[in-house]
Each structure stands twice: as C-alpha cells, then as structure tokens.
Amino acid sequence: MQKKEENSMSTETEIKGKTFKAAAMVETQAGAVVSRALIQKKMGTLTLFAFDTGQALSEHSAPFDAVVLALEGEAEITISGKPHGVKKDDLLVMPANEPHGLKALTPFKMMLVMIQE
C-alpha cells in the first residue's frame, strides 16, 4: 500500500465559512491511499481519505472515538472482528480502544472525524 498526503488543496483557514464538495477535495490514485487533513486541533481532527479498490488500513486502535462518513464507493470496516459494510452517505462510529481496520471494495472516499478527550 502506498500512502500519500495531498497538500495542494485549501488550508484550514481557506475552507472556513465556505461550502465545498468534500469528495472533490481528495482524489483516488491507483494503488494508493491518499489523505488530506482539513482541520487539526488538540480536541480533534477532520481528514479526508481516498482509497483505490483493494487498498486497506491494517487493524489498529485509537484512544478516542472516530466517526467515518462515507462519501463515495464502498468499503468494509471491521471493528473488534465484526465487519460493517459502508457505502456513500453511511455514518459509522468506531469506539475508542477497539481494534478496527478498513478495506476498499471499490474506489472509496471518506471523511474521518477524530474526537479527542
């Protein structure tokens, strides 16, 4: 898996107070996982991801809740061994300290909101 971070789009201050199409702010690239951090604060982050078909994030855990909003395509997100199919407009909360992973079934875009305590 190749992981890339896009830096050519708007910065946090440039997107505030404006309407934008989230899925258009990150592009799928062949054989890669692409991420674009929109907001990074002590209390949480907002990051866009684009996965090519078959790309994955290996199982890991985080010390705080994370919310996934599917923007395009389909993926399987596993939480504590239980698979969850997600597709456009689905919302899934991944609980803190539970192992989770993701595999893109089609080209897949999502917004990830991490809420830290």
PDB file of N, CA and C in Angstrom:
ATOM      1  N   MET A   1       0.838  -1.178   0.000  1.00  0.00           N
ATOM      2  CA  MET A   1       0.000   0.000   0.000  1.00  0.00           C
ATOM      3  C   MET A   1       0.878   1.234   0.000  1.00  0.00           C
ATOM      4  N   GLN A   2       0.570   2.128  -0.893  1.00  0.00           N
ATOM      5  CA  GLN A   2       1.257   3.407  -0.936  1.00  0.00           C
ATOM      6  C   GLN A   2       0.325   4.431  -0.305  1.00  0.00           C
ATOM      7  N   LYS A   3       0.839   5.199   0.657  1.00  0.00           N
ATOM      8  CA  LYS A   3       0.025   6.215   1.317  1.00  0.00           C
ATOM      9  C   LYS A   3       0.570   7.575   0.945  1.00  0.00           C
ATOM     10  N   LYS A   4      -0.314   8.434   0.482  1.00  0.00           N
ATOM     11  CA  LYS A   4       0.078   9.774   0.078  1.00  0.00           C
ATOM     12  C   LYS A   4      -0.754  10.788   0.834  1.00  0.00           C
ATOM     13  N   GLU A   5      -0.181  11.968   1.026  1.00  0.00           N
ATOM     14  CA  GLU A   5      -0.933  13.064   1.623  1.00  0.00           C
ATOM     15  C   GLU A   5      -0.956  14.200   0.624  1.00  0.00           C
ATOM     16  N   GLU A   6      -2.146  14.703   0.353  1.00  0.00           N
ATOM     17  CA  GLU A   6      -2.285  15.805  -0.589  1.00  0.00           C
ATOM     18  C   GLU A   6      -2.134  17.130   0.137  1.00  0.00           C
ATOM     19  N   ASN A   7      -1.395  18.039  -0.473  1.00  0.00           N
ATOM     20  CA  ASN A   7      -1.192  19.357   0.123  1.00  0.00           C
ATOM     21  C   ASN A   7      -1.599  20.489  -0.801  1.00  0.00           C
ATOM     22  N   SER A   8      -2.132  20.170  -1.982  1.00  0.00           N
ATOM     23  CA  SER A   8      -2.390  21.205  -2.970  1.00  0.00           C
ATOM     24  C   SER A   8      -3.751  21.881  -2.813  1.00  0.00           C
ATOM     25  N   MET A   9      -4.612  21.378  -1.962  1.00  0.00           N
ATOM     26  CA  MET A   9      -5.940  21.950  -1.796  1.00  0.00           C
ATOM     27  C   MET A   9      -5.927  23.056  -0.740  1.00  0.00           C
ATOM     28  N   SER A  10      -7.108  23.530  -0.418  1.00  0.00           N
ATOM     29  CA  SER A  10      -7.282  24.615   0.546  1.00  0.00           C
ATOM     30  C   SER A  10      -6.764  24.246   1.921  1.00  0.00           C
ATOM     31  N   THR A  11      -6.238  25.231   2.619  1.00  0.00           N
ATOM     32  CA  THR A  11      -5.829  25.039   4.006  1.00  0.00           C
ATOM     33  C   THR A  11      -7.032  25.254   4.899  1.00  0.00           C
ATOM     34  N   GLU A  12      -6.865  24.965   6.185  1.00  0.00           N
ATOM     35  CA  GLU A  12      -7.951  25.106   7.150  1.00  0.00           C
ATOM     36  C   GLU A  12      -8.571  26.499   7.103  1.00  0.00           C
ATOM     37  N   THR A  13      -7.760  27.533   7.073  1.00  0.00           N
ATOM     38  CA  THR A  13      -8.308  28.897   7.074  1.00  0.00           C
ATOM     39  C   THR A  13      -9.004  29.217   5.757  1.00  0.00           C
ATOM     40  N   GLU A  14      -8.573  28.613   4.668  1.00  0.00           N
ATOM     41  CA  GLU A  14      -9.206  28.884   3.372  1.00  0.00           C
ATOM     42  C   GLU A  14     -10.567  28.216   3.219  1.00  0.00           C
ATOM     43  N   ILE A  15     -10.844  27.146   3.983  1.00  0.00           N
ATOM     44  CA  ILE A  15     -12.129  26.452   3.838  1.00  0.00           C
ATOM     45  C   ILE A  15     -13.176  26.940   4.834  1.00  0.00           C
ATOM     46  N   LYS A  16     -12.760  27.624   5.882  1.00  0.00           N
ATOM     47  CA  LYS A  16     -13.715  28.068   6.900  1.00  0.00           C
ATOM     48  C   LYS A  16     -14.730  29.053   6.316  1.00  0.00           C
ATOM     49  N   GLY A  17     -16.002  28.838   6.635  1.00  0.00           N
ATOM     50  CA  GLY A  17     -17.062  29.728   6.197  1.00  0.00           C
ATOM     51  C   GLY A  17     -17.434  29.568   4.739  1.00  0.00           C
ATOM     52  N   LYS A  18     -16.984  28.472   4.103  1.00  0.00           N
ATOM     53  CA  LYS A  18     -17.273  28.247   2.689  1.00  0.00           C
ATOM     54  C   LYS A  18     -17.894  26.871   2.491  1.00  0.00           C
ATOM     55  N   THR A  19     -18.692  26.758   1.457  1.00  0.00           N
ATOM     56  CA  THR A  19     -19.278  25.481   1.072  1.00  0.00           C
ATOM     57  C   THR A  19     -18.354  24.821   0.064  1.00  0.00           C
ATOM     58  N   PHE A  20     -18.172  23.504   0.236  1.00  0.00           N
ATOM     59  CA  PHE A  20     -17.339  22.769  -0.700  1.00  0.00           C
ATOM     60  C   PHE A  20     -17.827  21.337  -0.788  1.00  0.00           C
ATOM     61  N   LYS A  21     -17.468  20.656  -1.843  1.00  0.00           N
ATOM     62  CA  LYS A  21     -17.781  19.240  -2.035  1.00  0.00           C
ATOM     63  C   LYS A  21     -16.628  18.441  -1.456  1.00  0.00           C
ATOM     64  N   ALA A  22     -16.854  17.789  -0.328  1.00  0.00           N
ATOM     65  CA  ALA A  22     -15.782  17.074   0.371  1.00  0.00           C
ATOM     66  C   ALA A  22     -15.124  16.025  -0.515  1.00  0.00           C
ATOM     67  N   ALA A  23     -15.910  15.254  -1.251  1.00  0.00           N
ATOM     68  CA  ALA A  23     -15.340  14.190  -2.085  1.00  0.00           C
ATOM     69  C   ALA A  23     -14.417  14.739  -3.172  1.00  0.00           C
ATOM     70  N   ALA A  24     -14.634  15.972  -3.595  1.00  0.00           N
ATOM     71  CA  ALA A  24     -13.805  16.571  -4.644  1.00  0.00           C
ATOM     72  C   ALA A  24     -12.470  17.085  -4.104  1.00  0.00           C
ATOM     73  N   MET A  25     -12.322  17.127  -2.789  1.00  0.00           N
ATOM     74  CA  MET A  25     -11.098  17.675  -2.196  1.00  0.00           C
ATOM     75  C   MET A  25      -9.993  16.647  -2.020  1.00  0.00           C
ATOM     76  N   VAL A  26     -10.272  15.381  -2.375  1.00  0.00           N
ATOM     77  CA  VAL A  26      -9.250  14.331  -2.319  1.00  0.00           C
ATOM     78  C   VAL A  26      -9.489  13.403  -3.508  1.00  0.00           C
ATOM     79  N   GLU A  27      -8.429  13.057  -4.211  1.00  0.00           N
ATOM     80  CA  GLU A  27      -8.549  12.246  -5.413  1.00  0.00           C
ATOM     81  C   GLU A  27      -7.997  10.842  -5.198  1.00  0.00           C
ATOM     82  N   THR A  28      -8.699   9.856  -5.728  1.00  0.00           N
ATOM     83  CA  THR A  28      -8.225   8.479  -5.696  1.00  0.00           C
ATOM     84  C   THR A  28      -7.038   8.351  -6.646  1.00  0.00           C
ATOM     85  N   GLN A  29      -6.009   7.646  -6.208  1.00  0.00           N
ATOM     86  CA  GLN A  29      -4.832   7.382  -7.038  1.00  0.00           C
ATOM     87  C   GLN A  29      -4.604   5.885  -7.098  1.00  0.00           C
ATOM     88  N   ALA A  30      -4.219   5.381  -8.257  1.00  0.00           N
ATOM     89  CA  ALA A  30      -4.022   3.951  -8.467  1.00  0.00           C
ATOM     90  C   ALA A  30      -3.056   3.372  -7.437  1.00  0.00           C
ATOM     91  N   GLY A  31      -3.489   2.295  -6.779  1.00  0.00           N
ATOM     92  CA  GLY A  31      -2.645   1.582  -5.839  1.00  0.00           C
ATOM     93  C   GLY A  31      -2.291   2.343  -4.579  1.00  0.00           C
ATOM     94  N   ALA A  32      -3.075   3.354  -4.220  1.00  0.00           N
ATOM     95  CA  ALA A  32      -2.681   4.211  -3.099  1.00  0.00           C
ATOM     96  C   ALA A  32      -3.844   4.519  -2.165  1.00  0.00           C
ATOM     97  N   VAL A  33      -3.479   4.937  -0.964  1.00  0.00           N
ATOM     98  CA  VAL A  33      -4.390   5.557  -0.012  1.00  0.00           C
ATOM     99  C   VAL A  33      -3.927   7.003   0.091  1.00  0.00           C
ATOM    100  N   VAL A  34      -4.833   7.932  -0.150  1.00  0.00           N
ATOM    101  CA  VAL A  34      -4.498   9.354  -0.123  1.00  0.00           C
ATOM    102  C   VAL A  34      -5.250   9.996   1.038  1.00  0.00           C
ATOM    103  N   SER A  35      -4.567  10.837   1.799  1.00  0.00           N
ATOM    104  CA  SER A  35      -5.231  11.543   2.900  1.00  0.00           C
ATOM    105  C   SER A  35      -5.030  13.038   2.753  1.00  0.00           C
ATOM    106  N   ARG A  36      -5.991  13.780   3.273  1.00  0.00           N
ATOM    107  CA  ARG A  36      -5.943  15.248   3.236  1.00  0.00           C
ATOM    108  C   ARG A  36      -6.503  15.773   4.555  1.00  0.00           C
ATOM    109  N   ALA A  37      -5.650  16.262   5.420  1.00  0.00           N
ATOM    110  CA  ALA A  37      -6.077  16.828   6.700  1.00  0.00           C
ATOM    111  C   ALA A  37      -6.658  18.211   6.463  1.00  0.00           C
ATOM    112  N   LEU A  38      -7.905  18.411   6.873  1.00  0.00           N
ATOM    113  CA  LEU A  38      -8.541  19.721   6.721  1.00  0.00           C
ATOM    114  C   LEU A  38      -8.458  20.534   8.003  1.00  0.00           C
ATOM    115  N   ILE A  39      -8.644  19.871   9.137  1.00  0.00           N
ATOM    116  CA  ILE A  39      -8.572  20.548  10.433  1.00  0.00           C
ATOM    117  C   ILE A  39      -7.776  19.670  11.393  1.00  0.00           C
ATOM    118  N   GLN A  40      -6.826  20.281  12.068  1.00  0.00           N
ATOM    119  CA  GLN A  40      -6.032  19.586  13.077  1.00  0.00           C
ATOM    120  C   GLN A  40      -5.974  20.460  14.322  1.00  0.00           C
ATOM    121  N   LYS A  41      -6.693  20.033  15.354  1.00  0.00           N
ATOM    122  CA  LYS A  41      -6.750  20.766  16.624  1.00  0.00           C
ATOM    123  C   LYS A  41      -6.455  19.800  17.766  1.00  0.00           C
ATOM    124  N   LYS A  42      -6.146  20.335  18.936  1.00  0.00           N
ATOM    125  CA  LYS A  42      -5.893  19.483  20.097  1.00  0.00           C
ATOM    126  C   LYS A  42      -7.100  18.611  20.423  1.00  0.00           C
ATOM    127  N   MET A  43      -8.292  19.108  20.208  1.00  0.00           N
ATOM    128  CA  MET A  43      -9.506  18.372  20.569  1.00  0.00           C
ATOM    129  C   MET A  43      -9.986  17.417  19.471  1.00  0.00           C
ATOM    130  N   GLY A  44      -9.386  17.463  18.271  1.00  0.00           N
ATOM    131  CA  GLY A  44      -9.796  16.538  17.231  1.00  0.00           C
ATOM    132  C   GLY A  44      -9.317  16.950  15.855  1.00  0.00           C
ATOM    133  N   THR A  45      -9.586  16.063  14.896  1.00  0.00           N
ATOM    134  CA  THR A  45      -9.157  16.300  13.522  1.00  0.00           C
ATOM    135  C   THR A  45     -10.274  15.963  12.547  1.00  0.00           C
ATOM    136  N   LEU A  46     -10.167  16.540  11.355  1.00  0.00           N
ATOM    137  CA  LEU A  46     -11.066  16.247  10.243  1.00  0.00           C
ATOM    138  C   LEU A  46     -10.173  15.938   9.050  1.00  0.00           C
ATOM    139  N   THR A  47     -10.247  14.702   8.562  1.00  0.00           N
ATOM    140  CA  THR A  47      -9.368  14.257   7.488  1.00  0.00           C
ATOM    141  C   THR A  47     -10.180  13.563   6.411  1.00  0.00           C
ATOM    142  N   LEU A  48      -9.865  13.839   5.151  1.00  0.00           N
ATOM    143  CA  LEU A  48     -10.468  13.152   4.018  1.00  0.00           C
ATOM    144  C   LEU A  48      -9.514  12.061   3.550  1.00  0.00           C
ATOM    145  N   PHE A  49     -10.069  10.925   3.147  1.00  0.00           N
ATOM    146  CA  PHE A  49      -9.277   9.815   2.626  1.00  0.00           C
ATOM    147  C   PHE A  49      -9.860   9.349   1.304  1.00  0.00           C
ATOM    148  N   ALA A  50      -8.985   8.891   0.399  1.00  0.00           N
ATOM    149  CA  ALA A  50      -9.388   8.241  -0.843  1.00  0.00           C
ATOM    150  C   ALA A  50      -8.584   6.950  -0.975  1.00  0.00           C
ATOM    151  N   PHE A  51      -9.280   5.841  -1.196  1.00  0.00           N
ATOM    152  CA  PHE A  51      -8.670   4.523  -1.309  1.00  0.00           C
ATOM    153  C   PHE A  51      -8.946   3.956  -2.695  1.00  0.00           C
ATOM    154  N   ASP A  52      -7.934   3.436  -3.348  1.00  0.00           N
ATOM    155  CA  ASP A  52      -8.153   2.689  -4.573  1.00  0.00           C
ATOM    156  C   ASP A  52      -8.757   1.336  -4.184  1.00  0.00           C
ATOM    157  N   THR A  53      -9.441   0.680  -5.110  1.00  0.00           N
ATOM    158  CA  THR A  53     -10.007  -0.641  -4.860  1.00  0.00           C
ATOM    159  C   THR A  53      -8.938  -1.583  -4.309  1.00  0.00           C
ATOM    160  N   GLY A  54      -9.276  -2.278  -3.233  1.00  0.00           N
ATOM    161  CA  GLY A  54      -8.359  -3.244  -2.633  1.00  0.00           C
ATOM    162  C   GLY A  54      -7.385  -2.667  -1.629  1.00  0.00           C
ATOM    163  N   GLN A  55      -7.259  -1.357  -1.567  1.00  0.00           N
ATOM    164  CA  GLN A  55      -6.358  -0.741  -0.597  1.00  0.00           C
ATOM    165  C   GLN A  55      -6.978  -0.846   0.793  1.00  0.00           C
ATOM    166  N   ALA A  56      -6.121  -0.853   1.803  1.00  0.00           N
ATOM    167  CA  ALA A  56      -6.612  -1.110   3.150  1.00  0.00           C
ATOM    168  C   ALA A  56      -5.808  -0.341   4.192  1.00  0.00           C
ATOM    169  N   LEU A  57      -6.407  -0.199   5.357  1.00  0.00           N
ATOM    170  CA  LEU A  57      -5.708   0.241   6.558  1.00  0.00           C
ATOM    171  C   LEU A  57      -5.715  -0.965   7.484  1.00  0.00           C
ATOM    172  N   SER A  58      -4.548  -1.407   7.904  1.00  0.00           N
ATOM    173  CA  SER A  58      -4.468  -2.584   8.761  1.00  0.00           C
ATOM    174  C   SER A  58      -5.104  -2.286  10.120  1.00  0.00           C
ATOM    175  N   GLU A  59      -5.466  -3.357  10.798  1.00  0.00           N
ATOM    176  CA  GLU A  59      -6.130  -3.220  12.083  1.00  0.00           C
ATOM    177  C   GLU A  59      -5.256  -2.449  13.075  1.00  0.00           C
ATOM    178  N   HIS A  60      -5.878  -1.508  13.756  1.00  0.00           N
ATOM    179  CA  HIS A  60      -5.205  -0.681  14.756  1.00  0.00           C
ATOM    180  C   HIS A  60      -6.275  -0.166  15.713  1.00  0.00           C
ATOM    181  N   SER A  61      -5.884   0.540  16.745  1.00  0.00           N
ATOM    182  CA  SER A  61      -6.862   1.151  17.646  1.00  0.00           C
ATOM    183  C   SER A  61      -6.422   2.573  17.951  1.00  0.00           C
ATOM    184  N   ALA A  62      -7.354   3.347  18.459  1.00  0.00           N
ATOM    185  CA  ALA A  62      -7.091   4.736  18.822  1.00  0.00           C
ATOM    186  C   ALA A  62      -7.676   4.975  20.209  1.00  0.00           C
ATOM    187  N   PRO A  63      -7.086   5.883  20.971  1.00  0.00           N
ATOM    188  CA  PRO A  63      -7.562   6.123  22.331  1.00  0.00           C
ATOM    189  C   PRO A  63      -8.805   7.011  22.413  1.00  0.00           C
ATOM    190  N   PHE A  64      -9.419   7.306  21.259  1.00  0.00           N
ATOM    191  CA  PHE A  64     -10.610   8.151  21.259  1.00  0.00           C
ATOM    192  C   PHE A  64     -11.537   7.720  20.130  1.00  0.00           C
ATOM    193  N   ASP A  65     -12.808   8.114  20.233  1.00  0.00           N
ATOM    194  CA  ASP A  65     -13.792   7.763  19.214  1.00  0.00           C
ATOM    195  C   ASP A  65     -13.433   8.390  17.877  1.00  0.00           C
ATOM    196  N   ALA A  66     -13.807   7.685  16.803  1.00  0.00           N
ATOM    197  CA  ALA A  66     -13.613   8.199  15.447  1.00  0.00           C
ATOM    198  C   ALA A  66     -14.900   7.969  14.667  1.00  0.00           C
ATOM    199  N   VAL A  67     -15.281   8.946  13.865  1.00  0.00           N
ATOM    200  CA  VAL A  67     -16.505   8.877  13.080  1.00  0.00           C
ATOM    201  C   VAL A  67     -16.142   8.861  11.605  1.00  0.00           C
ATOM    202  N   VAL A  68     -16.682   7.881  10.874  1.00  0.00           N
ATOM    203  CA  VAL A  68     -16.472   7.774   9.429  1.00  0.00           C
ATOM    204  C   VAL A  68     -17.761   8.166   8.728  1.00  0.00           C
ATOM    205  N   LEU A  69     -17.658   9.064   7.738  1.00  0.00           N
ATOM    206  CA  LEU A  69     -18.761   9.379   6.838  1.00  0.00           C
ATOM    207  C   LEU A  69     -18.299   8.981   5.444  1.00  0.00           C
ATOM    208  N   ALA A  70     -18.969   7.988   4.865  1.00  0.00           N
ATOM    209  CA  ALA A  70     -18.611   7.536   3.516  1.00  0.00           C
ATOM    210  C   ALA A  70     -19.106   8.567   2.497  1.00  0.00           C
ATOM    211  N   LEU A  71     -18.199   8.976   1.612  1.00  0.00           N
ATOM    212  CA  LEU A  71     -18.519   9.993   0.608  1.00  0.00           C
ATOM    213  C   LEU A  71     -18.769   9.399  -0.772  1.00  0.00           C
ATOM    214  N   GLU A  72     -18.025   8.352  -1.129  1.00  0.00           N
ATOM    215  CA  GLU A  72     -18.166   7.679  -2.428  1.00  0.00           C
ATOM    216  C   GLU A  72     -17.715   6.238  -2.280  1.00  0.00           C
ATOM    217  N   GLY A  73     -18.310   5.343  -3.065  1.00  0.00           N
ATOM    218  CA  GLY A  73     -17.850   3.967  -3.134  1.00  0.00           C
ATOM    219  C   GLY A  73     -18.290   3.114  -1.961  1.00  0.00           C
ATOM    220  N   GLU A  74     -17.603   1.957  -1.823  1.00  0.00           N
ATOM    221  CA  GLU A  74     -17.938   1.002  -0.770  1.00  0.00           C
ATOM    222  C   GLU A  74     -16.682   0.453  -0.126  1.00  0.00           C
ATOM    223  N   ALA A  75     -16.789   0.183   1.178  1.00  0.00           N
ATOM    224  CA  ALA A  75     -15.671  -0.405   1.922  1.00  0.00           C
ATOM    225  C   ALA A  75     -16.230  -1.308   3.006  1.00  0.00           C
ATOM    226  N   GLU A  76     -15.343  -2.150   3.533  1.00  0.00           N
ATOM    227  CA  GLU A  76     -15.677  -2.947   4.700  1.00  0.00           C
ATOM    228  C   GLU A  76     -14.800  -2.464   5.840  1.00  0.00           C
ATOM    229  N   ILE A  77     -15.442  -2.044   6.908  1.00  0.00           N
ATOM    230  CA  ILE A  77     -14.731  -1.612   8.102  1.00  0.00           C
ATOM    231  C   ILE A  77     -15.015  -2.647   9.188  1.00  0.00           C
ATOM    232  N   THR A  78     -13.946  -3.182   9.748  1.00  0.00           N
ATOM    233  CA  THR A  78     -14.075  -4.186  10.795  1.00  0.00           C
ATOM    234  C   THR A  78     -13.773  -3.537  12.139  1.00  0.00           C
ATOM    235  N   ILE A  79     -14.673  -3.729  13.093  1.00  0.00           N
ATOM    236  CA  ILE A  79     -14.489  -3.211  14.450  1.00  0.00           C
ATOM    237  C   ILE A  79     -14.554  -4.402  15.403  1.00  0.00           C
ATOM    238  N   SER A  80     -13.463  -4.636  16.114  1.00  0.00           N
ATOM    239  CA  SER A  80     -13.381  -5.767  17.053  1.00  0.00           C
ATOM    240  C   SER A  80     -13.820  -7.069  16.398  1.00  0.00           C
ATOM    241  N   GLY A  81     -13.366  -7.284  15.167  1.00  0.00           N
ATOM    242  CA  GLY A  81     -13.641  -8.518  14.443  1.00  0.00           C
ATOM    243  C   GLY A  81     -14.977  -8.574  13.733  1.00  0.00           C
ATOM    244  N   LYS A  82     -15.838  -7.572  13.908  1.00  0.00           N
ATOM    245  CA  LYS A  82     -17.157  -7.563  13.272  1.00  0.00           C
ATOM    246  C   LYS A  82     -17.134  -6.667  12.026  1.00  0.00           C
ATOM    247  N   PRO A  83     -17.418  -7.247  10.836  1.00  0.00           N
ATOM    248  CA  PRO A  83     -17.397  -6.444   9.606  1.00  0.00           C
ATOM    249  C   PRO A  83     -18.648  -5.571   9.459  1.00  0.00           C
ATOM    250  N   HIS A  84     -18.426  -4.367   8.935  1.00  0.00           N
ATOM    251  CA  HIS A  84     -19.508  -3.417   8.662  1.00  0.00           C
ATOM    252  C   HIS A  84     -19.334  -2.927   7.226  1.00  0.00           C
ATOM    253  N   GLY A  85     -20.324  -3.200   6.376  1.00  0.00           N
ATOM    254  CA  GLY A  85     -20.301  -2.649   5.031  1.00  0.00           C
ATOM    255  C   GLY A  85     -20.712  -1.195   5.072  1.00  0.00           C
ATOM    256  N   VAL A  86     -19.926  -0.327   4.440  1.00  0.00           N
ATOM    257  CA  VAL A  86     -20.273   1.089   4.389  1.00  0.00           C
ATOM    258  C   VAL A  86     -20.248   1.558   2.943  1.00  0.00           C
ATOM    259  N   LYS A  87     -21.188   2.416   2.606  1.00  0.00           N
ATOM    260  CA  LYS A  87     -21.263   2.998   1.267  1.00  0.00           C
ATOM    261  C   LYS A  87     -21.681   4.455   1.394  1.00  0.00           C
ATOM    262  N   LYS A  88     -21.695   5.153   0.270  1.00  0.00           N
ATOM    263  CA  LYS A  88     -21.978   6.590   0.256  1.00  0.00           C
ATOM    264  C   LYS A  88     -23.107   6.959   1.224  1.00  0.00           C
ATOM    265  N   ASP A  89     -22.855   7.984   2.018  1.00  0.00           N
ATOM    266  CA  ASP A  89     -23.786   8.570   2.982  1.00  0.00           C
ATOM    267  C   ASP A  89     -23.927   7.775   4.283  1.00  0.00           C
ATOM    268  N   ASP A  90     -23.243   6.624   4.405  1.00  0.00           N
ATOM    269  CA  ASP A  90     -23.283   5.886   5.668  1.00  0.00           C
ATOM    270  C   ASP A  90     -22.358   6.548   6.681  1.00  0.00           C
ATOM    271  N   LEU A  91     -22.768   6.483   7.935  1.00  0.00           N
ATOM    272  CA  LEU A  91     -22.005   7.028   9.053  1.00  0.00           C
ATOM    273  C   LEU A  91     -21.730   5.888  10.025  1.00  0.00           C
ATOM    274  N   LEU A  92     -20.498   5.757  10.476  1.00  0.00           N
ATOM    275  CA  LEU A  92     -20.117   4.696  11.400  1.00  0.00           C
ATOM    276  C   LEU A  92     -19.222   5.278  12.483  1.00  0.00           C
ATOM    277  N   VAL A  93     -19.561   5.008  13.739  1.00  0.00           N
ATOM    278  CA  VAL A  93     -18.746   5.457  14.868  1.00  0.00           C
ATOM    279  C   VAL A  93     -17.880   4.280  15.310  1.00  0.00           C
ATOM    280  N   MET A  94     -16.580   4.504  15.330  1.00  0.00           N
ATOM    281  CA  MET A  94     -15.633   3.489  15.784  1.00  0.00           C
ATOM    282  C   MET A  94     -15.255   3.842  17.221  1.00  0.00           C
ATOM    283  N   PRO A  95     -15.626   2.990  18.180  1.00  0.00           N
ATOM    284  CA  PRO A  95     -15.383   3.305  19.591  1.00  0.00           C
ATOM    285  C   PRO A  95     -13.901   3.334  19.951  1.00  0.00           C
ATOM    286  N   ALA A  96     -13.573   4.163  20.904  1.00  0.00           N
ATOM    287  CA  ALA A  96     -12.207   4.269  21.409  1.00  0.00           C
ATOM    288  C   ALA A  96     -11.715   2.913  21.895  1.00  0.00           C
ATOM    289  N   ASN A  97     -10.438   2.662  21.666  1.00  0.00           N
ATOM    290  CA  ASN A  97      -9.728   1.484  22.176  1.00  0.00           C
ATOM    291  C   ASN A  97     -10.204   0.147  21.614  1.00  0.00           C
ATOM    292  N   GLU A  98     -11.051   0.155  20.572  1.00  0.00           N
ATOM    293  CA  GLU A  98     -11.445  -1.090  19.922  1.00  0.00           C
ATOM    294  C   GLU A  98     -10.690  -1.208  18.597  1.00  0.00           C
ATOM    295  N   PRO A  99     -10.115  -2.386  18.323  1.00  0.00           N
ATOM    296  CA  PRO A  99      -9.363  -2.543  17.081  1.00  0.00           C
ATOM    297  C   PRO A  99     -10.280  -2.413  15.862  1.00  0.00           C
ATOM    298  N   HIS A 100      -9.794  -1.698  14.862  1.00  0.00           N
ATOM    299  CA  HIS A 100     -10.564  -1.510  13.636  1.00  0.00           C
ATOM    300  C   HIS A 100      -9.618  -1.463  12.435  1.00  0.00           C
ATOM    301  N   GLY A 101     -10.152  -1.824  11.280  1.00  0.00           N
ATOM    302  CA  GLY A 101      -9.400  -1.798  10.031  1.00  0.00           C
ATOM    303  C   GLY A 101     -10.364  -1.545   8.895  1.00  0.00           C
ATOM    304  N   LEU A 102      -9.834  -1.284   7.706  1.00  0.00           N
ATOM    305  CA  LEU A 102     -10.667  -0.935   6.558  1.00  0.00           C
ATOM    306  C   LEU A 102     -10.096  -1.548   5.295  1.00  0.00           C
ATOM    307  N   LYS A 103     -10.998  -2.014   4.411  1.00  0.00           N
ATOM    308  CA  LYS A 103     -10.603  -2.450   3.070  1.00  0.00           C
ATOM    309  C   LYS A 103     -11.592  -1.870   2.070  1.00  0.00           C
ATOM    310  N   ALA A 104     -11.069  -1.206   1.036  1.00  0.00           N
ATOM    311  CA  ALA A 104     -11.912  -0.618  -0.005  1.00  0.00           C
ATOM    312  C   ALA A 104     -12.374  -1.713  -0.966  1.00  0.00           C
ATOM    313  N   LEU A 105     -13.689  -1.839  -1.146  1.00  0.00           N
ATOM    314  CA  LEU A 105     -14.248  -2.815  -2.077  1.00  0.00           C
ATOM    315  C   LEU A 105     -14.356  -2.235  -3.484  1.00  0.00           C
ATOM    316  N   THR A 106     -14.460  -0.928  -3.561  1.00  0.00           N
ATOM    317  CA  THR A 106     -14.458  -0.159  -4.804  1.00  0.00           C
ATOM    318  C   THR A 106     -13.603   1.073  -4.515  1.00  0.00           C
ATOM    319  N   PRO A 107     -13.324   1.924  -5.503  1.00  0.00           N
ATOM    320  CA  PRO A 107     -12.692   3.193  -5.130  1.00  0.00           C
ATOM    321  C   PRO A 107     -13.578   3.848  -4.060  1.00  0.00           C
ATOM    322  N   PHE A 108     -12.961   4.278  -2.966  1.00  0.00           N
ATOM    323  CA  PHE A 108     -13.718   4.686  -1.786  1.00  0.00           C
ATOM    324  C   PHE A 108     -13.160   5.980  -1.220  1.00  0.00           C
ATOM    325  N   LYS A 109     -14.068   6.908  -0.890  1.00  0.00           N
ATOM    326  CA  LYS A 109     -13.685   8.160  -0.234  1.00  0.00           C
ATOM    327  C   LYS A 109     -14.473   8.295   1.060  1.00  0.00           C
ATOM    328  N   MET A 110     -13.800   8.828   2.074  1.00  0.00           N
ATOM    329  CA  MET A 110     -14.469   9.008   3.359  1.00  0.00           C
ATOM    330  C   MET A 110     -13.928  10.231   4.074  1.00  0.00           C
ATOM    331  N   MET A 111     -14.741  10.725   5.005  1.00  0.00           N
ATOM    332  CA  MET A 111     -14.324  11.768   5.925  1.00  0.00           C
ATOM    333  C   MET A 111     -14.180  11.113   7.290  1.00  0.00           C
ATOM    334  N   LEU A 112     -13.064  11.370   7.952  1.00  0.00           N
ATOM    335  CA  LEU A 112     -12.819  10.831   9.281  1.00  0.00           C
ATOM    336  C   LEU A 112     -12.735  11.971  10.266  1.00  0.00           C
ATOM    337  N   VAL A 113     -13.572  11.912  11.309  1.00  0.00           N
ATOM    338  CA  VAL A 113     -13.552  12.901  12.377  1.00  0.00           C
ATOM    339  C   VAL A 113     -13.100  12.183  13.641  1.00  0.00           C
ATOM    340  N   MET A 114     -11.972  12.616  14.188  1.00  0.00           N
ATOM    341  CA  MET A 114     -11.452  12.036  15.417  1.00  0.00           C
ATOM    342  C   MET A 114     -11.743  13.032  16.542  1.00  0.00           C
ATOM    343  N   ILE A 115     -12.373  12.543  17.595  1.00  0.00           N
ATOM    344  CA  ILE A 115     -12.751  13.407  18.709  1.00  0.00           C
ATOM    345  C   ILE A 115     -11.927  12.980  19.913  1.00  0.00           C
ATOM    346  N   GLN A 116     -11.020  13.854  20.321  1.00  0.00           N
ATOM    347  CA  GLN A 116     -10.139  13.535  21.446  1.00  0.00           C
ATOM    348  C   GLN A 116     -10.721  14.091  22.735  1.00  0.00           C
ATOM    349  N   GLU A 117     -10.397  13.411  23.831  1.00  0.00           N
ATOM    350  CA  GLU A 117     -10.853  13.889  25.133  1.00  0.00           C
ATOM    351  C   GLU A 117      -9.706  14.552  25.841  1.00  0.00           C
TER     352      GLU A 117
END
